[in-house]
Amino acid sequence: MRGLLVGRMQPVHNGHLQVIKSILKEVDEVIIGIGSAQLSHTLKDPFTAGERVMMLTKALSENGIHASKYYIIPIQDVACNSTWVAHVKMLTPPFKYIYSGNPLVQRLFIEAGNKVTEPPLFNRETYSGTEVRRRILLDEDWESLVPKSVVNVIKEIDGISRMKHLSKKEASELIQKI
């Protein structure tokens, strides 16, 4: 029996791992859909789909989750919500359960006739991609929020420098404020 979890994973953090471990108590395998896979190099979505696959693979291994227990599938957004569920089902192995904390994902699967479960969130105020990215930009402790392997991936791809560079205002934006 398989379950589907969809998330942007920008970046993978300890909350994601807790959710995946929780899901694996209910299903034999979990499909991890990397949402908005086409997006990267923005402050909200700084990492590529390939980088997120690398983060997930290494973090799951680091936490003793065997590769036979999961599939990682990048899922690009489509411009038409009414076809998104069919798009996801085309890209993934068959699944019975859908896990999502995203209201839009929940609604689309419900309207397609699927049962959706909201996974438990673990210390959401701290374990969120938004908080990790905020701390990176402000030079605060972010490393304690993510697995060591994810720290290593972010450093390997020079992700901190990328995010700080992306956070700079363009000259035209600064002139408009004057």
N, C-alpha and C. Protein backbone atom coordinates (compact mmCIF):
# COMPACT_ATOMS: atom_id res chain seq x y z
N MET A 1 0.85 -1.17 0.00
CA MET A 1 0.00 0.00 0.00
C MET A 1 0.90 1.24 0.00
N ARG A 2 0.55 2.20 -0.87
CA ARG A 2 1.36 3.41 -1.04
C ARG A 2 0.58 4.66 -0.69
N GLY A 3 1.33 5.65 -0.18
CA GLY A 3 0.77 6.97 0.07
C GLY A 3 1.56 8.01 -0.69
N LEU A 4 0.93 9.12 -0.97
CA LEU A 4 1.55 10.23 -1.69
C LEU A 4 1.66 11.44 -0.77
N LEU A 5 2.84 12.01 -0.69
CA LEU A 5 3.09 13.25 0.02
C LEU A 5 3.65 14.24 -1.00
N VAL A 6 3.01 15.41 -1.11
CA VAL A 6 3.50 16.44 -2.02
C VAL A 6 3.95 17.64 -1.21
N GLY A 7 5.15 18.13 -1.50
CA GLY A 7 5.67 19.32 -0.84
C GLY A 7 6.77 19.95 -1.67
N ARG A 8 7.02 21.22 -1.46
CA ARG A 8 8.07 21.89 -2.23
C ARG A 8 9.46 21.53 -1.74
N MET A 9 9.60 21.25 -0.46
CA MET A 9 10.89 20.83 0.12
C MET A 9 11.98 21.87 -0.14
N GLN A 10 11.71 23.10 0.22
CA GLN A 10 12.61 24.23 -0.07
C GLN A 10 13.18 24.84 1.20
N PRO A 11 14.14 24.26 1.87
CA PRO A 11 14.77 22.95 1.67
C PRO A 11 14.11 21.87 2.53
N VAL A 12 14.62 20.66 2.38
CA VAL A 12 14.20 19.55 3.24
C VAL A 12 14.63 19.88 4.66
N HIS A 13 13.70 19.72 5.62
CA HIS A 13 14.03 20.01 7.02
C HIS A 13 13.55 18.87 7.91
N ASN A 14 13.85 18.99 9.20
CA ASN A 14 13.52 17.91 10.13
C ASN A 14 12.02 17.65 10.24
N GLY A 15 11.20 18.66 10.04
CA GLY A 15 9.75 18.45 10.03
C GLY A 15 9.32 17.53 8.90
N HIS A 16 9.92 17.71 7.71
CA HIS A 16 9.61 16.81 6.59
C HIS A 16 9.92 15.37 6.97
N LEU A 17 11.08 15.16 7.59
CA LEU A 17 11.48 13.80 7.95
C LEU A 17 10.51 13.18 8.95
N GLN A 18 10.04 13.97 9.91
CA GLN A 18 9.08 13.45 10.89
C GLN A 18 7.77 13.08 10.21
N VAL A 19 7.33 13.89 9.26
CA VAL A 19 6.09 13.58 8.52
C VAL A 19 6.27 12.29 7.73
N ILE A 20 7.39 12.15 7.05
CA ILE A 20 7.64 10.94 6.25
C ILE A 20 7.68 9.71 7.14
N LYS A 21 8.35 9.81 8.28
CA LYS A 21 8.40 8.67 9.22
C LYS A 21 6.99 8.32 9.71
N SER A 22 6.18 9.32 9.98
CA SER A 22 4.81 9.11 10.43
C SER A 22 3.99 8.41 9.35
N ILE A 23 4.13 8.86 8.11
CA ILE A 23 3.40 8.26 6.99
C ILE A 23 3.80 6.80 6.83
N LEU A 24 5.10 6.52 6.97
CA LEU A 24 5.59 5.14 6.79
C LEU A 24 5.09 4.19 7.87
N LYS A 25 4.49 4.70 8.93
CA LYS A 25 3.85 3.83 9.93
C LYS A 25 2.48 3.36 9.43
N GLU A 26 1.94 4.07 8.43
CA GLU A 26 0.61 3.76 7.91
C GLU A 26 0.63 3.05 6.55
N VAL A 27 1.70 3.25 5.79
CA VAL A 27 1.79 2.65 4.45
C VAL A 27 3.13 1.93 4.30
N ASP A 28 3.20 1.06 3.29
CA ASP A 28 4.44 0.32 3.03
C ASP A 28 5.47 1.18 2.30
N GLU A 29 4.98 2.06 1.42
CA GLU A 29 5.86 2.92 0.63
C GLU A 29 5.25 4.31 0.54
N VAL A 30 6.12 5.30 0.45
CA VAL A 30 5.64 6.67 0.29
C VAL A 30 6.22 7.25 -0.99
N ILE A 31 5.36 7.87 -1.75
CA ILE A 31 5.79 8.62 -2.93
C ILE A 31 5.94 10.07 -2.47
N ILE A 32 7.12 10.61 -2.63
CA ILE A 32 7.36 11.99 -2.24
C ILE A 32 7.39 12.83 -3.51
N GLY A 33 6.33 13.58 -3.71
CA GLY A 33 6.25 14.45 -4.88
C GLY A 33 6.88 15.79 -4.57
N ILE A 34 7.92 16.13 -5.30
CA ILE A 34 8.56 17.43 -5.13
C ILE A 34 7.76 18.43 -5.95
N GLY A 35 6.93 19.20 -5.26
CA GLY A 35 6.04 20.14 -5.92
C GLY A 35 6.77 21.35 -6.48
N SER A 36 6.14 21.96 -7.46
CA SER A 36 6.70 23.14 -8.14
C SER A 36 8.13 22.86 -8.60
N ALA A 37 8.32 21.69 -9.19
CA ALA A 37 9.65 21.23 -9.57
C ALA A 37 10.33 22.12 -10.60
N GLN A 38 9.55 22.90 -11.33
CA GLN A 38 10.12 23.76 -12.36
C GLN A 38 10.70 25.04 -11.78
N LEU A 39 10.41 25.32 -10.52
CA LEU A 39 10.85 26.58 -9.92
C LEU A 39 12.19 26.44 -9.21
N SER A 40 13.01 27.46 -9.34
CA SER A 40 14.28 27.53 -8.61
C SER A 40 14.81 28.96 -8.72
N HIS A 41 15.84 29.23 -7.97
CA HIS A 41 16.56 30.50 -8.04
C HIS A 41 15.69 31.72 -7.73
N THR A 42 14.75 31.53 -6.79
CA THR A 42 14.00 32.64 -6.23
C THR A 42 14.11 32.52 -4.71
N LEU A 43 13.76 33.55 -3.98
CA LEU A 43 13.85 33.47 -2.52
C LEU A 43 12.86 32.45 -1.95
N LYS A 44 11.69 32.31 -2.56
CA LYS A 44 10.72 31.32 -2.09
C LYS A 44 11.10 29.91 -2.52
N ASP A 45 11.70 29.78 -3.67
CA ASP A 45 12.07 28.48 -4.24
C ASP A 45 13.53 28.53 -4.72
N PRO A 46 14.48 28.54 -3.79
CA PRO A 46 15.87 28.75 -4.20
C PRO A 46 16.55 27.52 -4.82
N PHE A 47 16.03 26.33 -4.56
CA PHE A 47 16.74 25.11 -4.96
C PHE A 47 16.04 24.43 -6.14
N THR A 48 16.85 23.83 -7.02
CA THR A 48 16.30 23.12 -8.18
C THR A 48 15.68 21.80 -7.74
N ALA A 49 14.89 21.21 -8.62
CA ALA A 49 14.30 19.91 -8.32
C ALA A 49 15.39 18.88 -8.08
N GLY A 50 16.43 18.92 -8.87
CA GLY A 50 17.53 17.96 -8.70
C GLY A 50 18.23 18.11 -7.36
N GLU A 51 18.40 19.35 -6.93
CA GLU A 51 19.02 19.60 -5.63
C GLU A 51 18.12 19.09 -4.50
N ARG A 52 16.81 19.26 -4.66
CA ARG A 52 15.87 18.79 -3.65
C ARG A 52 15.82 17.27 -3.61
N VAL A 53 15.93 16.63 -4.78
CA VAL A 53 16.01 15.16 -4.82
C VAL A 53 17.26 14.71 -4.06
N MET A 54 18.37 15.37 -4.30
CA MET A 54 19.61 15.04 -3.62
C MET A 54 19.47 15.21 -2.11
N MET A 55 18.88 16.33 -1.67
CA MET A 55 18.66 16.57 -0.25
C MET A 55 17.82 15.46 0.38
N LEU A 56 16.71 15.13 -0.28
CA LEU A 56 15.81 14.11 0.25
C LEU A 56 16.48 12.74 0.32
N THR A 57 17.13 12.35 -0.77
CA THR A 57 17.77 11.04 -0.82
C THR A 57 18.79 10.90 0.30
N LYS A 58 19.63 11.91 0.45
CA LYS A 58 20.66 11.85 1.49
C LYS A 58 20.06 11.92 2.89
N ALA A 59 19.05 12.76 3.10
CA ALA A 59 18.43 12.89 4.42
C ALA A 59 17.71 11.60 4.82
N LEU A 60 17.02 10.98 3.88
CA LEU A 60 16.32 9.74 4.18
C LEU A 60 17.32 8.63 4.52
N SER A 61 18.40 8.55 3.76
CA SER A 61 19.44 7.57 4.06
C SER A 61 20.07 7.82 5.42
N GLU A 62 20.38 9.09 5.70
CA GLU A 62 20.97 9.48 6.99
C GLU A 62 20.07 9.07 8.15
N ASN A 63 18.76 9.05 7.93
CA ASN A 63 17.81 8.72 8.97
C ASN A 63 17.34 7.27 8.92
N GLY A 64 18.07 6.43 8.20
CA GLY A 64 17.80 5.00 8.20
C GLY A 64 16.57 4.57 7.43
N ILE A 65 16.09 5.41 6.52
CA ILE A 65 14.92 5.05 5.71
C ILE A 65 15.44 4.48 4.40
N HIS A 66 15.20 3.19 4.21
CA HIS A 66 15.74 2.46 3.06
C HIS A 66 15.07 2.89 1.76
N ALA A 67 15.84 2.91 0.69
CA ALA A 67 15.35 3.35 -0.62
C ALA A 67 14.16 2.53 -1.11
N SER A 68 13.98 1.33 -0.61
CA SER A 68 12.84 0.50 -1.03
C SER A 68 11.53 1.02 -0.43
N LYS A 69 11.60 1.98 0.46
CA LYS A 69 10.41 2.51 1.14
C LYS A 69 9.86 3.78 0.50
N TYR A 70 10.55 4.33 -0.51
CA TYR A 70 10.09 5.60 -1.06
C TYR A 70 10.45 5.74 -2.54
N TYR A 71 9.70 6.62 -3.19
CA TYR A 71 9.97 7.10 -4.54
C TYR A 71 9.99 8.61 -4.45
N ILE A 72 10.91 9.24 -5.13
CA ILE A 72 10.94 10.70 -5.18
C ILE A 72 10.65 11.11 -6.62
N ILE A 73 9.57 11.85 -6.81
CA ILE A 73 9.11 12.24 -8.14
C ILE A 73 8.98 13.76 -8.22
N PRO A 74 9.79 14.42 -9.05
CA PRO A 74 9.57 15.86 -9.27
C PRO A 74 8.26 16.08 -10.03
N ILE A 75 7.46 17.02 -9.55
CA ILE A 75 6.16 17.30 -10.17
C ILE A 75 6.10 18.78 -10.51
N GLN A 76 6.05 19.07 -11.80
CA GLN A 76 5.93 20.47 -12.22
C GLN A 76 4.48 20.92 -12.06
N ASP A 77 4.33 22.22 -11.82
CA ASP A 77 2.99 22.80 -11.77
C ASP A 77 2.41 22.79 -13.18
N VAL A 78 1.09 22.71 -13.26
CA VAL A 78 0.40 22.90 -14.53
C VAL A 78 -0.50 24.12 -14.37
N ALA A 79 -0.77 24.80 -15.45
CA ALA A 79 -1.50 26.07 -15.40
C ALA A 79 -3.01 25.88 -15.24
N CYS A 80 -3.45 24.65 -15.10
CA CYS A 80 -4.89 24.38 -15.00
C CYS A 80 -5.14 23.42 -13.83
N ASN A 81 -5.67 23.96 -12.73
CA ASN A 81 -5.87 23.15 -11.53
C ASN A 81 -6.76 21.93 -11.77
N SER A 82 -7.72 22.05 -12.69
CA SER A 82 -8.64 20.93 -12.92
C SER A 82 -7.93 19.71 -13.52
N THR A 83 -6.75 19.87 -14.07
CA THR A 83 -6.02 18.73 -14.63
C THR A 83 -4.82 18.30 -13.78
N TRP A 84 -4.57 19.00 -12.67
CA TRP A 84 -3.37 18.75 -11.89
C TRP A 84 -3.34 17.34 -11.29
N VAL A 85 -4.46 16.86 -10.74
CA VAL A 85 -4.49 15.53 -10.13
C VAL A 85 -4.17 14.47 -11.18
N ALA A 86 -4.76 14.58 -12.37
CA ALA A 86 -4.45 13.63 -13.45
C ALA A 86 -2.96 13.70 -13.81
N HIS A 87 -2.41 14.89 -13.83
CA HIS A 87 -0.99 15.10 -14.11
C HIS A 87 -0.14 14.36 -13.07
N VAL A 88 -0.49 14.51 -11.79
CA VAL A 88 0.26 13.84 -10.72
C VAL A 88 0.15 12.33 -10.87
N LYS A 89 -1.05 11.83 -11.13
CA LYS A 89 -1.25 10.39 -11.25
C LYS A 89 -0.50 9.81 -12.45
N MET A 90 -0.34 10.62 -13.50
CA MET A 90 0.42 10.17 -14.67
C MET A 90 1.90 10.01 -14.33
N LEU A 91 2.42 10.84 -13.43
CA LEU A 91 3.85 10.85 -13.12
C LEU A 91 4.25 9.86 -12.03
N THR A 92 3.30 9.37 -11.25
CA THR A 92 3.63 8.59 -10.07
C THR A 92 3.16 7.15 -10.18
N PRO A 93 3.77 6.27 -9.37
CA PRO A 93 3.20 4.92 -9.24
C PRO A 93 1.81 5.04 -8.60
N PRO A 94 0.98 4.02 -8.73
CA PRO A 94 -0.36 4.08 -8.11
C PRO A 94 -0.24 4.26 -6.59
N PHE A 95 -1.19 4.98 -6.02
CA PHE A 95 -1.21 5.20 -4.57
C PHE A 95 -2.65 5.17 -4.09
N LYS A 96 -2.81 4.87 -2.81
CA LYS A 96 -4.14 4.81 -2.21
C LYS A 96 -4.43 6.02 -1.35
N TYR A 97 -3.42 6.51 -0.65
CA TYR A 97 -3.62 7.59 0.31
C TYR A 97 -2.89 8.85 -0.14
N ILE A 98 -3.48 9.99 0.17
CA ILE A 98 -2.87 11.28 -0.13
C ILE A 98 -2.67 12.01 1.19
N TYR A 99 -1.45 12.50 1.40
CA TYR A 99 -1.11 13.26 2.60
C TYR A 99 -0.68 14.65 2.16
N SER A 100 -1.36 15.65 2.69
CA SER A 100 -0.98 17.02 2.36
C SER A 100 -1.51 17.99 3.40
N GLY A 101 -0.70 18.98 3.71
CA GLY A 101 -1.12 20.08 4.57
C GLY A 101 -1.50 21.29 3.75
N ASN A 102 -1.40 21.19 2.43
CA ASN A 102 -1.68 22.31 1.54
C ASN A 102 -3.17 22.29 1.17
N PRO A 103 -3.92 23.34 1.51
CA PRO A 103 -5.36 23.36 1.23
C PRO A 103 -5.70 23.18 -0.25
N LEU A 104 -4.91 23.75 -1.15
CA LEU A 104 -5.20 23.58 -2.58
C LEU A 104 -5.01 22.13 -3.01
N VAL A 105 -3.92 21.52 -2.61
CA VAL A 105 -3.67 20.11 -2.95
C VAL A 105 -4.80 19.25 -2.37
N GLN A 106 -5.17 19.51 -1.12
CA GLN A 106 -6.26 18.76 -0.50
C GLN A 106 -7.54 18.89 -1.31
N ARG A 107 -7.91 20.11 -1.66
CA ARG A 107 -9.16 20.36 -2.37
C ARG A 107 -9.17 19.69 -3.73
N LEU A 108 -8.06 19.79 -4.47
CA LEU A 108 -8.00 19.19 -5.81
C LEU A 108 -8.18 17.68 -5.76
N PHE A 109 -7.53 17.02 -4.78
CA PHE A 109 -7.68 15.57 -4.66
C PHE A 109 -9.07 15.19 -4.16
N ILE A 110 -9.63 15.97 -3.25
CA ILE A 110 -10.99 15.69 -2.76
C ILE A 110 -11.98 15.79 -3.91
N GLU A 111 -11.86 16.85 -4.72
CA GLU A 111 -12.78 17.02 -5.85
C GLU A 111 -12.61 15.95 -6.91
N ALA A 112 -11.43 15.31 -6.92
CA ALA A 112 -11.19 14.20 -7.86
C ALA A 112 -11.65 12.87 -7.25
N GLY A 113 -12.25 12.94 -6.05
CA GLY A 113 -12.81 11.74 -5.44
C GLY A 113 -11.86 10.96 -4.55
N ASN A 114 -10.77 11.56 -4.13
CA ASN A 114 -9.80 10.88 -3.29
C ASN A 114 -9.97 11.27 -1.83
N LYS A 115 -9.55 10.37 -0.94
CA LYS A 115 -9.52 10.66 0.49
C LYS A 115 -8.16 11.27 0.81
N VAL A 116 -8.19 12.39 1.50
CA VAL A 116 -6.96 13.10 1.84
C VAL A 116 -6.80 13.13 3.35
N THR A 117 -5.58 12.88 3.80
CA THR A 117 -5.25 12.96 5.21
C THR A 117 -4.25 14.09 5.41
N GLU A 118 -4.52 14.92 6.40
CA GLU A 118 -3.55 15.97 6.73
C GLU A 118 -2.54 15.37 7.70
N PRO A 119 -1.27 15.30 7.28
CA PRO A 119 -0.27 14.69 8.17
C PRO A 119 -0.03 15.57 9.39
N PRO A 120 0.41 14.96 10.48
CA PRO A 120 0.72 15.78 11.66
C PRO A 120 1.92 16.67 11.35
N LEU A 121 1.84 17.91 11.79
CA LEU A 121 2.96 18.83 11.59
C LEU A 121 3.78 18.85 12.88
N PHE A 122 5.07 18.86 12.74
CA PHE A 122 5.97 18.79 13.88
C PHE A 122 6.63 20.14 14.10
N ASN A 123 6.21 20.83 15.16
CA ASN A 123 6.80 22.11 15.53
C ASN A 123 6.86 23.04 14.31
N ARG A 124 5.72 23.27 13.70
CA ARG A 124 5.61 23.99 12.43
C ARG A 124 6.20 25.40 12.46
N GLU A 125 6.14 26.06 13.61
CA GLU A 125 6.70 27.41 13.69
C GLU A 125 8.21 27.40 13.44
N THR A 126 8.85 26.33 13.86
CA THR A 126 10.30 26.22 13.70
C THR A 126 10.66 25.43 12.45
N TYR A 127 9.98 24.30 12.24
CA TYR A 127 10.31 23.44 11.11
C TYR A 127 9.46 23.81 9.90
N SER A 128 9.91 24.81 9.19
CA SER A 128 9.27 25.20 7.94
C SER A 128 10.36 25.69 7.00
N GLY A 129 10.15 25.49 5.73
CA GLY A 129 11.11 25.99 4.75
C GLY A 129 11.26 27.49 4.84
N THR A 130 10.16 28.18 5.10
CA THR A 130 10.20 29.64 5.24
C THR A 130 11.15 30.05 6.36
N GLU A 131 11.05 29.37 7.50
CA GLU A 131 11.90 29.70 8.64
C GLU A 131 13.37 29.37 8.35
N VAL A 132 13.62 28.24 7.71
CA VAL A 132 15.00 27.88 7.36
C VAL A 132 15.59 28.93 6.43
N ARG A 133 14.85 29.31 5.40
CA ARG A 133 15.35 30.31 4.45
C ARG A 133 15.56 31.66 5.13
N ARG A 134 14.64 32.05 6.02
CA ARG A 134 14.78 33.31 6.75
C ARG A 134 16.07 33.32 7.57
N ARG A 135 16.30 32.23 8.26
CA ARG A 135 17.50 32.15 9.10
C ARG A 135 18.78 32.15 8.26
N ILE A 136 18.75 31.51 7.12
CA ILE A 136 19.93 31.53 6.24
C ILE A 136 20.24 32.97 5.85
N LEU A 137 19.22 33.71 5.44
CA LEU A 137 19.42 35.09 4.98
C LEU A 137 19.89 36.02 6.10
N LEU A 138 19.49 35.73 7.34
CA LEU A 138 19.85 36.59 8.46
C LEU A 138 21.07 36.08 9.24
N ASP A 139 21.74 35.07 8.71
CA ASP A 139 22.91 34.48 9.37
C ASP A 139 22.59 33.98 10.77
N GLU A 140 21.39 33.44 10.94
CA GLU A 140 21.00 32.83 12.21
C GLU A 140 21.19 31.31 12.10
N ASP A 141 21.04 30.62 13.22
CA ASP A 141 21.20 29.17 13.21
C ASP A 141 20.09 28.51 12.40
N TRP A 142 20.43 27.98 11.27
CA TRP A 142 19.48 27.23 10.44
C TRP A 142 19.88 25.76 10.39
N GLU A 143 21.13 25.48 10.64
CA GLU A 143 21.64 24.12 10.50
C GLU A 143 20.98 23.14 11.47
N SER A 144 20.52 23.62 12.62
CA SER A 144 19.87 22.73 13.59
C SER A 144 18.47 22.31 13.12
N LEU A 145 17.94 22.98 12.10
CA LEU A 145 16.59 22.69 11.62
C LEU A 145 16.55 21.65 10.50
N VAL A 146 17.71 21.31 9.97
CA VAL A 146 17.78 20.39 8.83
C VAL A 146 18.76 19.26 9.15
N PRO A 147 18.59 18.11 8.48
CA PRO A 147 19.55 17.03 8.68
C PRO A 147 20.96 17.47 8.24
N LYS A 148 21.96 16.89 8.84
CA LYS A 148 23.36 17.21 8.52
C LYS A 148 23.62 17.05 7.02
N SER A 149 23.05 16.02 6.42
CA SER A 149 23.27 15.79 4.98
C SER A 149 22.72 16.95 4.15
N VAL A 150 21.63 17.58 4.59
CA VAL A 150 21.06 18.72 3.87
C VAL A 150 21.97 19.94 4.03
N VAL A 151 22.53 20.13 5.22
CA VAL A 151 23.52 21.19 5.42
C VAL A 151 24.64 21.01 4.41
N ASN A 152 25.12 19.78 4.27
CA ASN A 152 26.22 19.49 3.35
C ASN A 152 25.85 19.77 1.90
N VAL A 153 24.63 19.41 1.50
CA VAL A 153 24.18 19.67 0.12
C VAL A 153 24.10 21.18 -0.12
N ILE A 154 23.50 21.91 0.81
CA ILE A 154 23.36 23.36 0.63
C ILE A 154 24.73 24.01 0.51
N LYS A 155 25.68 23.56 1.30
CA LYS A 155 27.04 24.10 1.21
C LYS A 155 27.71 23.67 -0.10
N GLU A 156 27.50 22.43 -0.51
CA GLU A 156 28.10 21.92 -1.76
C GLU A 156 27.64 22.73 -2.97
N ILE A 157 26.37 23.11 -3.00
CA ILE A 157 25.83 23.84 -4.16
C ILE A 157 25.95 25.36 -3.98
N ASP A 158 26.58 25.79 -2.90
CA ASP A 158 26.75 27.20 -2.58
C ASP A 158 25.39 27.89 -2.45
N GLY A 159 24.45 27.18 -1.80
CA GLY A 159 23.09 27.67 -1.66
C GLY A 159 22.96 28.93 -0.82
N ILE A 160 23.82 29.09 0.18
CA ILE A 160 23.75 30.29 1.02
C ILE A 160 24.09 31.52 0.18
N SER A 161 25.16 31.42 -0.56
CA SER A 161 25.57 32.52 -1.43
C SER A 161 24.48 32.81 -2.47
N ARG A 162 23.89 31.77 -3.02
CA ARG A 162 22.82 31.94 -4.01
C ARG A 162 21.66 32.73 -3.40
N MET A 163 21.22 32.32 -2.23
CA MET A 163 20.09 33.00 -1.61
C MET A 163 20.40 34.45 -1.27
N LYS A 164 21.58 34.69 -0.76
CA LYS A 164 21.96 36.07 -0.40
C LYS A 164 22.05 36.94 -1.66
N HIS A 165 22.56 36.36 -2.74
CA HIS A 165 22.64 37.10 -3.99
C HIS A 165 21.24 37.41 -4.52
N LEU A 166 20.36 36.42 -4.45
CA LEU A 166 18.98 36.62 -4.92
C LEU A 166 18.22 37.64 -4.08
N SER A 167 18.63 37.83 -2.83
CA SER A 167 17.90 38.75 -1.95
C SER A 167 18.26 40.21 -2.18
N LYS A 168 19.29 40.46 -2.98
CA LYS A 168 19.67 41.84 -3.27
C LYS A 168 18.60 42.50 -4.14
N LYS A 169 18.38 43.76 -3.91
CA LYS A 169 17.44 44.52 -4.74
C LYS A 169 18.14 44.98 -6.01
N GLU A 170 17.41 44.93 -7.09
CA GLU A 170 17.96 45.47 -8.34
C GLU A 170 18.03 46.99 -8.23
N ALA A 171 18.97 47.57 -8.95
CA ALA A 171 19.14 49.03 -8.92
C ALA A 171 17.83 49.73 -9.28
N SER A 172 17.08 49.19 -10.24
CA SER A 172 15.82 49.83 -10.64
C SER A 172 14.81 49.83 -9.51
N GLU A 173 14.79 48.79 -8.67
CA GLU A 173 13.88 48.74 -7.52
C GLU A 173 14.27 49.80 -6.49
N LEU A 174 15.55 49.97 -6.28
CA LEU A 174 16.03 50.97 -5.30
C LEU A 174 15.72 52.38 -5.77
N ILE A 175 15.88 52.64 -7.06
CA ILE A 175 15.62 53.98 -7.62
C ILE A 175 14.14 54.31 -7.48
N GLN A 176 13.26 53.32 -7.72
CA GLN A 176 11.82 53.56 -7.60
C GLN A 176 11.42 53.97 -6.20
N LYS A 177 12.11 53.47 -5.19
CA LYS A 177 11.80 53.82 -3.80
C LYS A 177 12.23 55.25 -3.49
N ILE A 178 13.23 55.77 -4.20
CA ILE A 178 13.73 57.14 -3.98
C ILE A 178 12.79 58.07 -4.67
